[in-house]
Amino acid sequence: MADATTHSSERVLTNQTEEEVIEIDENGVVHAVGYTPRELKSTVLRDPEGEYAVIEIRSDQLTLTPTELLGNRWACEQQKLRMFPAFRFLSAGSSIVAAEGALDTQCSNTYGLRIELNNYPFSLPKIRPKGWQVHPSAPHHFNDGSICVMRSDQWRRHFTVALVIAKAAIWLGKYEIWKRNGNHWPGIGQSH
């Protein structure tokens, strides 16, 4: 059991990985940060001191402009990912393969997530739970355990990893309501 001073996001992300945590500067230069994602412990909806904050994220902050699409995509992605300070890009060799981090919800639960970037940005990233499993009866998840935040035909090349994380945060909020209210998913859903 973790001690009381350890933030819940930190407890979720204690597994070692073979992938390297990286940051990308404004010139597109990749800098290694380390191999252990345990330092990824800040939150989206609740800061480490437990205080709630309302943050407004506009859709233009989560997508790339035509100019950004022509420039260094990974530097732009890194900048947008800073809206979710618990998340970091991971590399294997010379490829960026995923982003990992954790989101805290309005119910003070922490969910680790791994955003897999296979064929990115040309296809929708796969969002996998890290350290937890989606309830098997929950809607809007796939048979492989990944969560569904949009249909693959809705994905556009100018969308970002930060957008995927924002949509995952919305999904997690609905998931918690679903668990509390007798298994009724809030809002309008789409078939997949």
C-alpha atoms as a PDB file:
ATOM      1  CA  MET A   1       0.000   0.000   0.000  1.00  0.00           C
ATOM      2  CA  ALA A   2       1.304   3.472  -0.908  1.00  0.00           C
ATOM      3  CA  ASP A   3       1.853   5.993   1.855  1.00  0.00           C
ATOM      4  CA  ALA A   4      -0.493   8.945   2.309  1.00  0.00           C
ATOM      5  CA  THR A   5       1.995  11.404   0.791  1.00  0.00           C
ATOM      6  CA  THR A   6       2.081   9.583  -2.543  1.00  0.00           C
ATOM      7  CA  HIS A   7      -0.317  11.102  -5.064  1.00  0.00           C
ATOM      8  CA  SER A   8      -2.759   8.632  -6.620  1.00  0.00           C
ATOM      9  CA  SER A   9      -1.444   9.281 -10.154  1.00  0.00           C
ATOM     10  CA  GLU A  10       2.017   8.260  -8.988  1.00  0.00           C
ATOM     11  CA  ARG A  11       0.724   4.948  -7.638  1.00  0.00           C
ATOM     12  CA  VAL A  12      -0.882   4.141 -11.009  1.00  0.00           C
ATOM     13  CA  LEU A  13       2.342   4.633 -12.961  1.00  0.00           C
ATOM     14  CA  THR A  14       4.977   2.657 -11.098  1.00  0.00           C
ATOM     15  CA  ASN A  15       5.790   0.032 -13.737  1.00  0.00           C
ATOM     16  CA  GLN A  16       9.120   0.198 -15.538  1.00  0.00           C
ATOM     17  CA  THR A  17       8.982   0.218 -19.333  1.00  0.00           C
ATOM     18  CA  GLU A  18      11.542  -0.498 -22.028  1.00  0.00           C
ATOM     19  CA  GLU A  19      10.509   2.743 -23.700  1.00  0.00           C
ATOM     20  CA  GLU A  20      12.239   6.012 -23.055  1.00  0.00           C
ATOM     21  CA  VAL A  21      10.397   9.076 -21.740  1.00  0.00           C
ATOM     22  CA  ILE A  22      11.265  11.953 -24.066  1.00  0.00           C
ATOM     23  CA  GLU A  23      10.618  15.644 -24.620  1.00  0.00           C
ATOM     24  CA  ILE A  24      10.809  17.455 -27.932  1.00  0.00           C
ATOM     25  CA  ASP A  25      12.024  21.041 -28.015  1.00  0.00           C
ATOM     26  CA  GLU A  26      10.848  23.814 -30.358  1.00  0.00           C
ATOM     27  CA  ASN A  27      13.597  22.855 -32.846  1.00  0.00           C
ATOM     28  CA  GLY A  28      12.397  19.265 -32.989  1.00  0.00           C
ATOM     29  CA  VAL A  29      15.355  17.932 -31.009  1.00  0.00           C
ATOM     30  CA  VAL A  30      14.463  14.918 -28.878  1.00  0.00           C
ATOM     31  CA  HIS A  31      15.785  14.899 -25.309  1.00  0.00           C
ATOM     32  CA  ALA A  32      15.732  11.771 -23.149  1.00  0.00           C
ATOM     33  CA  VAL A  33      14.130  12.306 -19.749  1.00  0.00           C
ATOM     34  CA  GLY A  34      14.417   8.754 -18.384  1.00  0.00           C
ATOM     35  CA  TYR A  35      12.941   5.290 -18.514  1.00  0.00           C
ATOM     36  CA  THR A  36      10.540   5.313 -15.585  1.00  0.00           C
ATOM     37  CA  PRO A  37       7.153   7.005 -15.969  1.00  0.00           C
ATOM     38  CA  ARG A  38       6.697   7.225 -12.179  1.00  0.00           C
ATOM     39  CA  GLU A  39       7.435  10.950 -12.335  1.00  0.00           C
ATOM     40  CA  LEU A  40       4.289  11.540 -14.391  1.00  0.00           C
ATOM     41  CA  LYS A  41       2.051  12.514 -11.518  1.00  0.00           C
ATOM     42  CA  SER A  42       0.191  15.722 -12.224  1.00  0.00           C
ATOM     43  CA  THR A  43      -3.461  15.787 -13.143  1.00  0.00           C
ATOM     44  CA  VAL A  44      -6.015  17.290 -15.454  1.00  0.00           C
ATOM     45  CA  LEU A  45      -9.004  17.987 -13.242  1.00  0.00           C
ATOM     46  CA  ARG A  46      -7.338  18.015  -9.833  1.00  0.00           C
ATOM     47  CA  ASP A  47      -3.908  19.345  -8.976  1.00  0.00           C
ATOM     48  CA  PRO A  48      -1.490  17.410  -6.712  1.00  0.00           C
ATOM     49  CA  GLU A  49      -2.723  19.283  -3.619  1.00  0.00           C
ATOM     50  CA  GLY A  50      -6.256  18.044  -4.303  1.00  0.00           C
ATOM     51  CA  GLU A  51      -7.655  21.417  -5.358  1.00  0.00           C
ATOM     52  CA  TYR A  52     -10.121  21.416  -8.216  1.00  0.00           C
ATOM     53  CA  ALA A  53      -9.648  23.858 -11.038  1.00  0.00           C
ATOM     54  CA  VAL A  54     -11.802  24.681 -14.006  1.00  0.00           C
ATOM     55  CA  ILE A  55      -9.719  24.761 -17.138  1.00  0.00           C
ATOM     56  CA  GLU A  56     -11.035  25.851 -20.470  1.00  0.00           C
ATOM     57  CA  ILE A  57      -9.572  24.105 -23.458  1.00  0.00           C
ATOM     58  CA  ARG A  58     -10.677  25.352 -26.850  1.00  0.00           C
ATOM     59  CA  SER A  59     -10.688  22.967 -29.799  1.00  0.00           C
ATOM     60  CA  ASP A  60      -8.123  25.118 -31.631  1.00  0.00           C
ATOM     61  CA  GLN A  61      -5.694  24.346 -28.790  1.00  0.00           C
ATOM     62  CA  LEU A  62      -6.043  20.626 -29.513  1.00  0.00           C
ATOM     63  CA  THR A  63      -5.595  20.600 -33.279  1.00  0.00           C
ATOM     64  CA  LEU A  64      -2.802  21.619 -35.610  1.00  0.00           C
ATOM     65  CA  THR A  65      -3.095  24.624 -37.886  1.00  0.00           C
ATOM     66  CA  PRO A  66      -2.144  24.318 -41.573  1.00  0.00           C
ATOM     67  CA  THR A  67       1.141  26.097 -40.730  1.00  0.00           C
ATOM     68  CA  GLU A  68       1.868  23.687 -37.867  1.00  0.00           C
ATOM     69  CA  LEU A  69       1.165  20.739 -40.185  1.00  0.00           C
ATOM     70  CA  LEU A  70       3.915  21.991 -42.484  1.00  0.00           C
ATOM     71  CA  GLY A  71       6.415  22.446 -39.640  1.00  0.00           C
ATOM     72  CA  ASN A  72       7.820  20.048 -37.078  1.00  0.00           C
ATOM     73  CA  ARG A  73       4.785  18.088 -35.984  1.00  0.00           C
ATOM     74  CA  TRP A  74       6.392  16.549 -32.894  1.00  0.00           C
ATOM     75  CA  ALA A  75       7.476  19.928 -31.513  1.00  0.00           C
ATOM     76  CA  CYS A  76       3.886  21.175 -31.934  1.00  0.00           C
ATOM     77  CA  GLU A  77       2.513  17.968 -30.395  1.00  0.00           C
ATOM     78  CA  GLN A  78       4.860  18.369 -27.404  1.00  0.00           C
ATOM     79  CA  GLN A  79       3.660  21.949 -26.877  1.00  0.00           C
ATOM     80  CA  LYS A  80      -0.007  20.919 -26.970  1.00  0.00           C
ATOM     81  CA  LEU A  81       0.654  17.931 -24.702  1.00  0.00           C
ATOM     82  CA  ARG A  82       1.759  20.387 -21.990  1.00  0.00           C
ATOM     83  CA  MET A  83      -1.949  21.066 -21.356  1.00  0.00           C
ATOM     84  CA  PHE A  84      -1.877  17.592 -19.774  1.00  0.00           C
ATOM     85  CA  PRO A  85       1.297  17.713 -17.670  1.00  0.00           C
ATOM     86  CA  ALA A  86       0.910  14.124 -16.447  1.00  0.00           C
ATOM     87  CA  PHE A  87       1.535  12.836 -19.975  1.00  0.00           C
ATOM     88  CA  ARG A  88       4.854  12.219 -21.721  1.00  0.00           C
ATOM     89  CA  PHE A  89       5.820  10.823 -25.093  1.00  0.00           C
ATOM     90  CA  LEU A  90       7.684   7.512 -25.104  1.00  0.00           C
ATOM     91  CA  SER A  91      10.142   6.325 -27.722  1.00  0.00           C
ATOM     92  CA  ALA A  92      11.563   2.970 -28.714  1.00  0.00           C
ATOM     93  CA  GLY A  93      14.724   3.390 -30.740  1.00  0.00           C
ATOM     94  CA  SER A  94      14.235   6.395 -32.977  1.00  0.00           C
ATOM     95  CA  SER A  95      10.422   6.203 -33.096  1.00  0.00           C
ATOM     96  CA  ILE A  96       7.844   7.867 -30.878  1.00  0.00           C
ATOM     97  CA  VAL A  97       5.554   4.956 -30.017  1.00  0.00           C
ATOM     98  CA  ALA A  98       3.185   6.178 -27.310  1.00  0.00           C
ATOM     99  CA  ALA A  99       2.176   8.745 -24.745  1.00  0.00           C
ATOM    100  CA  GLU A 100       1.544   7.697 -21.149  1.00  0.00           C
ATOM    101  CA  GLY A 101       0.131   9.448 -18.152  1.00  0.00           C
ATOM    102  CA  ALA A 102      -2.812   9.534 -15.791  1.00  0.00           C
ATOM    103  CA  LEU A 103      -6.032  11.495 -15.446  1.00  0.00           C
ATOM    104  CA  ASP A 104      -7.788  12.265 -12.174  1.00  0.00           C
ATOM    105  CA  THR A 105     -11.562  12.522 -12.377  1.00  0.00           C
ATOM    106  CA  GLN A 106     -14.186  14.550 -10.525  1.00  0.00           C
ATOM    107  CA  CYS A 107     -14.670  11.530  -8.216  1.00  0.00           C
ATOM    108  CA  SER A 108     -10.987  11.605  -7.172  1.00  0.00           C
ATOM    109  CA  ASN A 109     -10.194   8.406  -9.056  1.00  0.00           C
ATOM    110  CA  THR A 110      -6.999   8.142 -11.062  1.00  0.00           C
ATOM    111  CA  TYR A 111      -6.818   6.304 -14.362  1.00  0.00           C
ATOM    112  CA  GLY A 112      -3.543   5.507 -16.096  1.00  0.00           C
ATOM    113  CA  LEU A 113      -3.670   5.623 -19.894  1.00  0.00           C
ATOM    114  CA  ARG A 114      -1.369   4.613 -22.705  1.00  0.00           C
ATOM    115  CA  ILE A 115      -1.997   6.244 -26.084  1.00  0.00           C
ATOM    116  CA  GLU A 116      -0.450   3.960 -28.732  1.00  0.00           C
ATOM    117  CA  LEU A 117       0.723   5.811 -31.822  1.00  0.00           C
ATOM    118  CA  ASN A 118       0.849   3.093 -34.495  1.00  0.00           C
ATOM    119  CA  ASN A 119       0.642   4.682 -37.969  1.00  0.00           C
ATOM    120  CA  TYR A 120       0.199   8.093 -36.323  1.00  0.00           C
ATOM    121  CA  PRO A 121      -0.995  10.649 -37.476  1.00  0.00           C
ATOM    122  CA  PHE A 122      -2.657   8.772 -40.307  1.00  0.00           C
ATOM    123  CA  SER A 123      -4.867   6.636 -38.083  1.00  0.00           C
ATOM    124  CA  LEU A 124      -6.647   7.040 -34.769  1.00  0.00           C
ATOM    125  CA  PRO A 125      -4.394   6.207 -31.811  1.00  0.00           C
ATOM    126  CA  LYS A 126      -5.387   3.295 -29.563  1.00  0.00           C
ATOM    127  CA  ILE A 127      -6.237   4.311 -25.962  1.00  0.00           C
ATOM    128  CA  ARG A 128      -5.416   1.559 -23.509  1.00  0.00           C
ATOM    129  CA  PRO A 129      -6.017   1.485 -19.763  1.00  0.00           C
ATOM    130  CA  LYS A 130      -2.769   1.236 -17.794  1.00  0.00           C
ATOM    131  CA  GLY A 131      -3.067  -0.420 -14.389  1.00  0.00           C
ATOM    132  CA  TRP A 132      -6.841  -0.964 -14.608  1.00  0.00           C
ATOM    133  CA  GLN A 133      -9.421  -2.614 -16.873  1.00  0.00           C
ATOM    134  CA  VAL A 134     -12.623  -1.310 -18.389  1.00  0.00           C
ATOM    135  CA  HIS A 135     -15.651  -3.081 -16.902  1.00  0.00           C
ATOM    136  CA  PRO A 136     -16.637  -5.783 -19.426  1.00  0.00           C
ATOM    137  CA  SER A 137     -20.243  -4.533 -19.593  1.00  0.00           C
ATOM    138  CA  ALA A 138     -19.289  -0.908 -20.227  1.00  0.00           C
ATOM    139  CA  PRO A 139     -20.240   0.508 -23.613  1.00  0.00           C
ATOM    140  CA  HIS A 140     -17.833   2.343 -25.885  1.00  0.00           C
ATOM    141  CA  HIS A 141     -14.841   0.069 -25.580  1.00  0.00           C
ATOM    142  CA  PHE A 142     -13.341  -2.510 -27.904  1.00  0.00           C
ATOM    143  CA  ASN A 143     -12.847  -6.248 -27.380  1.00  0.00           C
ATOM    144  CA  ASP A 144      -9.101  -5.703 -26.884  1.00  0.00           C
ATOM    145  CA  GLY A 145      -9.859  -3.529 -23.811  1.00  0.00           C
ATOM    146  CA  SER A 146      -9.084  -0.176 -25.450  1.00  0.00           C
ATOM    147  CA  ILE A 147     -11.578   2.659 -25.097  1.00  0.00           C
ATOM    148  CA  CYS A 148     -13.540   4.258 -27.917  1.00  0.00           C
ATOM    149  CA  VAL A 149     -13.606   8.053 -27.996  1.00  0.00           C
ATOM    150  CA  MET A 150     -14.487   8.391 -31.689  1.00  0.00           C
ATOM    151  CA  ARG A 151     -14.934   6.269 -34.789  1.00  0.00           C
ATOM    152  CA  SER A 152     -11.834   5.724 -36.896  1.00  0.00           C
ATOM    153  CA  ASP A 153     -13.524   7.384 -39.891  1.00  0.00           C
ATOM    154  CA  GLN A 154     -13.812  10.598 -37.828  1.00  0.00           C
ATOM    155  CA  TRP A 155     -10.034  10.847 -37.313  1.00  0.00           C
ATOM    156  CA  ARG A 156      -8.266  13.681 -39.158  1.00  0.00           C
ATOM    157  CA  ARG A 157      -4.549  14.236 -39.623  1.00  0.00           C
ATOM    158  CA  HIS A 158      -4.637  17.642 -37.907  1.00  0.00           C
ATOM    159  CA  PHE A 159      -5.907  16.079 -34.647  1.00  0.00           C
ATOM    160  CA  THR A 160      -3.339  15.689 -31.878  1.00  0.00           C
ATOM    161  CA  VAL A 161      -2.462  13.386 -28.999  1.00  0.00           C
ATOM    162  CA  ALA A 162      -3.695  16.170 -26.678  1.00  0.00           C
ATOM    163  CA  LEU A 163      -7.117  15.969 -28.371  1.00  0.00           C
ATOM    164  CA  VAL A 164      -7.184  12.200 -27.796  1.00  0.00           C
ATOM    165  CA  ILE A 165      -6.359  12.740 -24.099  1.00  0.00           C
ATOM    166  CA  ALA A 166      -9.100  15.380 -23.764  1.00  0.00           C
ATOM    167  CA  LYS A 167     -11.610  12.980 -25.320  1.00  0.00           C
ATOM    168  CA  ALA A 168     -10.381  10.224 -22.990  1.00  0.00           C
ATOM    169  CA  ALA A 169     -10.997  12.551 -20.008  1.00  0.00           C
ATOM    170  CA  ILE A 170     -14.586  13.041 -21.183  1.00  0.00           C
ATOM    171  CA  TRP A 171     -14.959   9.280 -21.664  1.00  0.00           C
ATOM    172  CA  LEU A 172     -13.668   8.638 -18.122  1.00  0.00           C
ATOM    173  CA  GLY A 173     -16.159  11.133 -16.662  1.00  0.00           C
ATOM    174  CA  LYS A 174     -19.007   9.341 -18.441  1.00  0.00           C
ATOM    175  CA  TYR A 175     -17.611   5.959 -17.408  1.00  0.00           C
ATOM    176  CA  GLU A 176     -17.747   6.952 -13.752  1.00  0.00           C
ATOM    177  CA  ILE A 177     -21.331   8.187 -14.139  1.00  0.00           C
ATOM    178  CA  TRP A 178     -22.187   4.901 -15.887  1.00  0.00           C
ATOM    179  CA  LYS A 179     -20.765   2.922 -12.963  1.00  0.00           C
ATOM    180  CA  ARG A 180     -22.750   4.986 -10.406  1.00  0.00           C
ATOM    181  CA  ASN A 181     -26.127   5.306 -12.114  1.00  0.00           C
ATOM    182  CA  GLY A 182     -27.092   1.724 -12.852  1.00  0.00           C
ATOM    183  CA  ASN A 183     -25.172   1.299 -16.090  1.00  0.00           C
ATOM    184  CA  HIS A 184     -26.778   4.004 -18.220  1.00  0.00           C
ATOM    185  CA  TRP A 185     -24.186   5.797 -20.391  1.00  0.00           C
ATOM    186  CA  PRO A 186     -24.788   9.575 -20.248  1.00  0.00           C
ATOM    187  CA  GLY A 187     -25.207  11.570 -23.427  1.00  0.00           C
ATOM    188  CA  ILE A 188     -25.599  10.513 -27.014  1.00  0.00           C
ATOM    189  CA  GLY A 189     -23.358   7.680 -28.133  1.00  0.00           C
ATOM    190  CA  GLN A 190     -22.309   6.532 -31.585  1.00  0.00           C
ATOM    191  CA  SER A 191     -22.186   2.975 -32.799  1.00  0.00           C
ATOM    192  CA  HIS A 192     -18.752   1.654 -33.713  1.00  0.00           C
END
